[in-house]
């Protein structure tokens, strides 16, 4: 799948975002190693801490379908905002080598790796080392 195709899917799901408080709609399209794409949009909540980001929505959907490894994710916002720290950490749980396409609403994008955005992430290996 091309970056543009993945971005287009994220643009489409962004339209479904529930963002009545921030009005900052986000769409994500996560490409699994299997070739399946899982989409997600942000869903806000009046109790702000219970809001879920688009990237995490896509990861949760993928994991609930049995997918555990990912190749790339496209994230689309109005102005090309980067994934938040919580989303970076959740993505690193499954795919520390992930490619991220960060796009604006018009499809202009830049490419980063998860390691560039979260160079020293906490991983399952840290837990294993701590239990020895």
C-alpha atoms as a PDB file:
ATOM      1  CA  UNK A   1       0.000   0.000   0.000  1.00  0.00           C
ATOM      2  CA  UNK A   2       1.367   3.419  -0.883  1.00  0.00           C
ATOM      3  CA  UNK A   3       1.687   6.225   1.664  1.00  0.00           C
ATOM      4  CA  UNK A   4      -0.917   8.194  -0.294  1.00  0.00           C
ATOM      5  CA  UNK A   5      -3.442   5.346  -0.116  1.00  0.00           C
ATOM      6  CA  UNK A   6      -2.934   4.994   3.619  1.00  0.00           C
ATOM      7  CA  UNK A   7      -3.248   8.752   4.082  1.00  0.00           C
ATOM      8  CA  UNK A   8      -6.463   8.779   2.048  1.00  0.00           C
ATOM      9  CA  UNK A   9      -7.985   6.159   4.371  1.00  0.00           C
ATOM     10  CA  UNK A  10      -6.964   8.247   7.392  1.00  0.00           C
ATOM     11  CA  UNK A  11      -8.506  11.347   5.777  1.00  0.00           C
ATOM     12  CA  UNK A  12     -11.779   9.496   5.292  1.00  0.00           C
ATOM     13  CA  UNK A  13     -12.015   8.214   8.867  1.00  0.00           C
ATOM     14  CA  UNK A  14     -11.035  11.665  10.207  1.00  0.00           C
ATOM     15  CA  UNK A  15     -14.454  12.847   9.054  1.00  0.00           C
ATOM     16  CA  UNK A  16     -16.023  10.483  11.618  1.00  0.00           C
ATOM     17  CA  UNK A  17     -14.083  11.887  14.595  1.00  0.00           C
ATOM     18  CA  UNK A  18     -16.075  12.951  17.636  1.00  0.00           C
ATOM     19  CA  UNK A  19     -14.308  16.138  18.727  1.00  0.00           C
ATOM     20  CA  UNK A  20     -16.899  18.570  20.108  1.00  0.00           C
ATOM     21  CA  UNK A  21     -14.490  20.042  22.684  1.00  0.00           C
ATOM     22  CA  UNK A  22     -11.181  20.541  20.920  1.00  0.00           C
ATOM     23  CA  UNK A  23     -12.637  20.546  17.410  1.00  0.00           C
ATOM     24  CA  UNK A  24      -9.315  18.940  16.424  1.00  0.00           C
ATOM     25  CA  UNK A  25     -10.307  15.940  14.331  1.00  0.00           C
ATOM     26  CA  UNK A  26      -7.755  13.194  13.797  1.00  0.00           C
ATOM     27  CA  UNK A  27      -7.834  10.112  11.588  1.00  0.00           C
ATOM     28  CA  UNK A  28      -5.422   7.203  11.567  1.00  0.00           C
ATOM     29  CA  UNK A  29      -4.909   4.238   9.258  1.00  0.00           C
ATOM     30  CA  UNK A  30      -2.664   1.483  10.585  1.00  0.00           C
ATOM     31  CA  UNK A  31      -1.182  -1.063   8.168  1.00  0.00           C
ATOM     32  CA  UNK A  32      -0.734  -4.493   9.699  1.00  0.00           C
ATOM     33  CA  UNK A  33       1.965  -6.926   8.598  1.00  0.00           C
ATOM     34  CA  UNK A  34      -0.891  -9.054   7.252  1.00  0.00           C
ATOM     35  CA  UNK A  35      -1.776  -6.283   4.794  1.00  0.00           C
ATOM     36  CA  UNK A  36      -5.000  -5.396   6.615  1.00  0.00           C
ATOM     37  CA  UNK A  37      -5.620  -1.734   7.383  1.00  0.00           C
ATOM     38  CA  UNK A  38      -7.255  -0.699  10.650  1.00  0.00           C
ATOM     39  CA  UNK A  39      -8.661   2.796  10.951  1.00  0.00           C
ATOM     40  CA  UNK A  40      -9.450   4.927  13.955  1.00  0.00           C
ATOM     41  CA  UNK A  41     -10.566   8.434  14.793  1.00  0.00           C
ATOM     42  CA  UNK A  42     -10.349  10.430  17.975  1.00  0.00           C
ATOM     43  CA  UNK A  43     -13.315  10.174  20.322  1.00  0.00           C
ATOM     44  CA  UNK A  44     -13.457  12.917  22.927  1.00  0.00           C
ATOM     45  CA  UNK A  45     -15.240  12.818  26.248  1.00  0.00           C
ATOM     46  CA  UNK A  46     -16.540  15.541  28.557  1.00  0.00           C
ATOM     47  CA  UNK A  47     -14.183  14.025  31.129  1.00  0.00           C
ATOM     48  CA  UNK A  48     -11.122  14.899  29.053  1.00  0.00           C
ATOM     49  CA  UNK A  49      -8.893  12.166  30.450  1.00  0.00           C
ATOM     50  CA  UNK A  50     -11.168   9.542  28.921  1.00  0.00           C
ATOM     51  CA  UNK A  51     -10.645  10.785  25.389  1.00  0.00           C
ATOM     52  CA  UNK A  52      -9.057   8.284  23.019  1.00  0.00           C
ATOM     53  CA  UNK A  53      -6.773   9.309  20.186  1.00  0.00           C
ATOM     54  CA  UNK A  54      -7.181   8.066  16.622  1.00  0.00           C
ATOM     55  CA  UNK A  55      -3.901   6.169  16.675  1.00  0.00           C
ATOM     56  CA  UNK A  56      -4.795   4.240  19.818  1.00  0.00           C
ATOM     57  CA  UNK A  57      -8.301   3.557  18.476  1.00  0.00           C
ATOM     58  CA  UNK A  58      -6.721   1.953  15.395  1.00  0.00           C
ATOM     59  CA  UNK A  59      -4.285  -0.088  17.515  1.00  0.00           C
ATOM     60  CA  UNK A  60      -7.070  -1.334  19.799  1.00  0.00           C
ATOM     61  CA  UNK A  61      -9.176  -2.307  16.802  1.00  0.00           C
ATOM     62  CA  UNK A  62      -6.241  -4.171  15.251  1.00  0.00           C
ATOM     63  CA  UNK A  63      -5.329  -6.007  18.448  1.00  0.00           C
ATOM     64  CA  UNK A  64      -8.959  -6.983  19.012  1.00  0.00           C
ATOM     65  CA  UNK A  65      -8.844  -8.600  15.557  1.00  0.00           C
ATOM     66  CA  UNK A  66      -5.633 -10.494  16.373  1.00  0.00           C
ATOM     67  CA  UNK A  67      -3.063  -8.275  14.616  1.00  0.00           C
ATOM     68  CA  UNK A  68       0.082  -7.616  16.655  1.00  0.00           C
ATOM     69  CA  UNK A  69       2.666  -6.328  14.165  1.00  0.00           C
ATOM     70  CA  UNK A  70       2.458  -3.209  12.047  1.00  0.00           C
ATOM     71  CA  UNK A  71       4.375  -1.700   9.156  1.00  0.00           C
ATOM     72  CA  UNK A  72       3.104   1.866   8.928  1.00  0.00           C
ATOM     73  CA  UNK A  73       0.527   4.321  10.180  1.00  0.00           C
ATOM     74  CA  UNK A  74      -0.871   7.437   8.560  1.00  0.00           C
ATOM     75  CA  UNK A  75      -2.099  10.185  10.868  1.00  0.00           C
ATOM     76  CA  UNK A  76      -4.128  13.047   9.433  1.00  0.00           C
ATOM     77  CA  UNK A  77      -5.003  16.282  11.223  1.00  0.00           C
ATOM     78  CA  UNK A  78      -6.017  19.729  10.022  1.00  0.00           C
ATOM     79  CA  UNK A  79      -2.444  21.017  10.229  1.00  0.00           C
ATOM     80  CA  UNK A  80      -0.189  17.943  10.231  1.00  0.00           C
ATOM     81  CA  UNK A  81       0.114  17.499  13.986  1.00  0.00           C
ATOM     82  CA  UNK A  82       2.345  14.689  15.209  1.00  0.00           C
ATOM     83  CA  UNK A  83       1.106  11.751  17.343  1.00  0.00           C
ATOM     84  CA  UNK A  84       1.029  12.485  21.074  1.00  0.00           C
ATOM     85  CA  UNK A  85       3.395  10.817  23.516  1.00  0.00           C
ATOM     86  CA  UNK A  86       0.805   8.305  24.719  1.00  0.00           C
ATOM     87  CA  UNK A  87       0.141   7.155  21.166  1.00  0.00           C
ATOM     88  CA  UNK A  88       3.855   6.898  20.450  1.00  0.00           C
ATOM     89  CA  UNK A  89       4.277   4.676  23.501  1.00  0.00           C
ATOM     90  CA  UNK A  90       1.340   2.425  22.574  1.00  0.00           C
ATOM     91  CA  UNK A  91       2.624   2.073  19.009  1.00  0.00           C
ATOM     92  CA  UNK A  92       6.089   1.186  20.309  1.00  0.00           C
ATOM     93  CA  UNK A  93       4.613  -1.730  22.267  1.00  0.00           C
ATOM     94  CA  UNK A  94       3.924  -3.494  18.986  1.00  0.00           C
ATOM     95  CA  UNK A  95       6.172  -2.002  16.310  1.00  0.00           C
ATOM     96  CA  UNK A  96       9.262  -0.068  17.364  1.00  0.00           C
ATOM     97  CA  UNK A  97      10.357   0.121  13.693  1.00  0.00           C
ATOM     98  CA  UNK A  98       7.052   1.647  12.547  1.00  0.00           C
ATOM     99  CA  UNK A  99       6.964   4.180   9.707  1.00  0.00           C
ATOM    100  CA  UNK A 100       4.694   7.160  10.372  1.00  0.00           C
ATOM    101  CA  UNK A 101       3.172   9.383   7.705  1.00  0.00           C
ATOM    102  CA  UNK A 102       2.109  12.655   9.314  1.00  0.00           C
ATOM    103  CA  UNK A 103      -0.305  14.499   7.045  1.00  0.00           C
ATOM    104  CA  UNK A 104      -2.470  17.573   6.974  1.00  0.00           C
ATOM    105  CA  UNK A 105      -6.069  17.689   5.722  1.00  0.00           C
ATOM    106  CA  UNK A 106      -4.865  18.337   2.157  1.00  0.00           C
ATOM    107  CA  UNK A 107      -2.682  15.223   2.112  1.00  0.00           C
ATOM    108  CA  UNK A 108       0.672  16.993   2.343  1.00  0.00           C
ATOM    109  CA  UNK A 109       2.837  14.768   4.503  1.00  0.00           C
ATOM    110  CA  UNK A 110       6.192  14.066   6.031  1.00  0.00           C
ATOM    111  CA  UNK A 111       7.644  10.708   6.997  1.00  0.00           C
ATOM    112  CA  UNK A 112       9.206   9.774  10.314  1.00  0.00           C
ATOM    113  CA  UNK A 113      10.051   6.564  12.094  1.00  0.00           C
ATOM    114  CA  UNK A 114       8.753   5.780  15.537  1.00  0.00           C
ATOM    115  CA  UNK A 115      12.348   5.614  16.765  1.00  0.00           C
ATOM    116  CA  UNK A 116      12.835   9.222  15.602  1.00  0.00           C
ATOM    117  CA  UNK A 117       9.714  10.366  17.459  1.00  0.00           C
ATOM    118  CA  UNK A 118      10.314   8.219  20.558  1.00  0.00           C
ATOM    119  CA  UNK A 119      14.023   7.373  20.630  1.00  0.00           C
ATOM    120  CA  UNK A 120      14.204   5.834  24.117  1.00  0.00           C
ATOM    121  CA  UNK A 121      10.850   4.167  24.596  1.00  0.00           C
ATOM    122  CA  UNK A 122       9.975   1.872  27.474  1.00  0.00           C
ATOM    123  CA  UNK A 123       9.500  -1.607  26.028  1.00  0.00           C
ATOM    124  CA  UNK A 124       8.448  -5.080  27.173  1.00  0.00           C
ATOM    125  CA  UNK A 125      12.180  -5.944  27.293  1.00  0.00           C
ATOM    126  CA  UNK A 126      12.567  -3.523  30.219  1.00  0.00           C
ATOM    127  CA  UNK A 127      10.020  -5.512  32.196  1.00  0.00           C
ATOM    128  CA  UNK A 128      11.764  -8.783  31.406  1.00  0.00           C
ATOM    129  CA  UNK A 129      15.123  -7.382  32.527  1.00  0.00           C
ATOM    130  CA  UNK A 130      13.560  -6.036  35.727  1.00  0.00           C
ATOM    131  CA  UNK A 131      12.249  -9.489  36.685  1.00  0.00           C
ATOM    132  CA  UNK A 132      15.645 -11.208  36.546  1.00  0.00           C
END
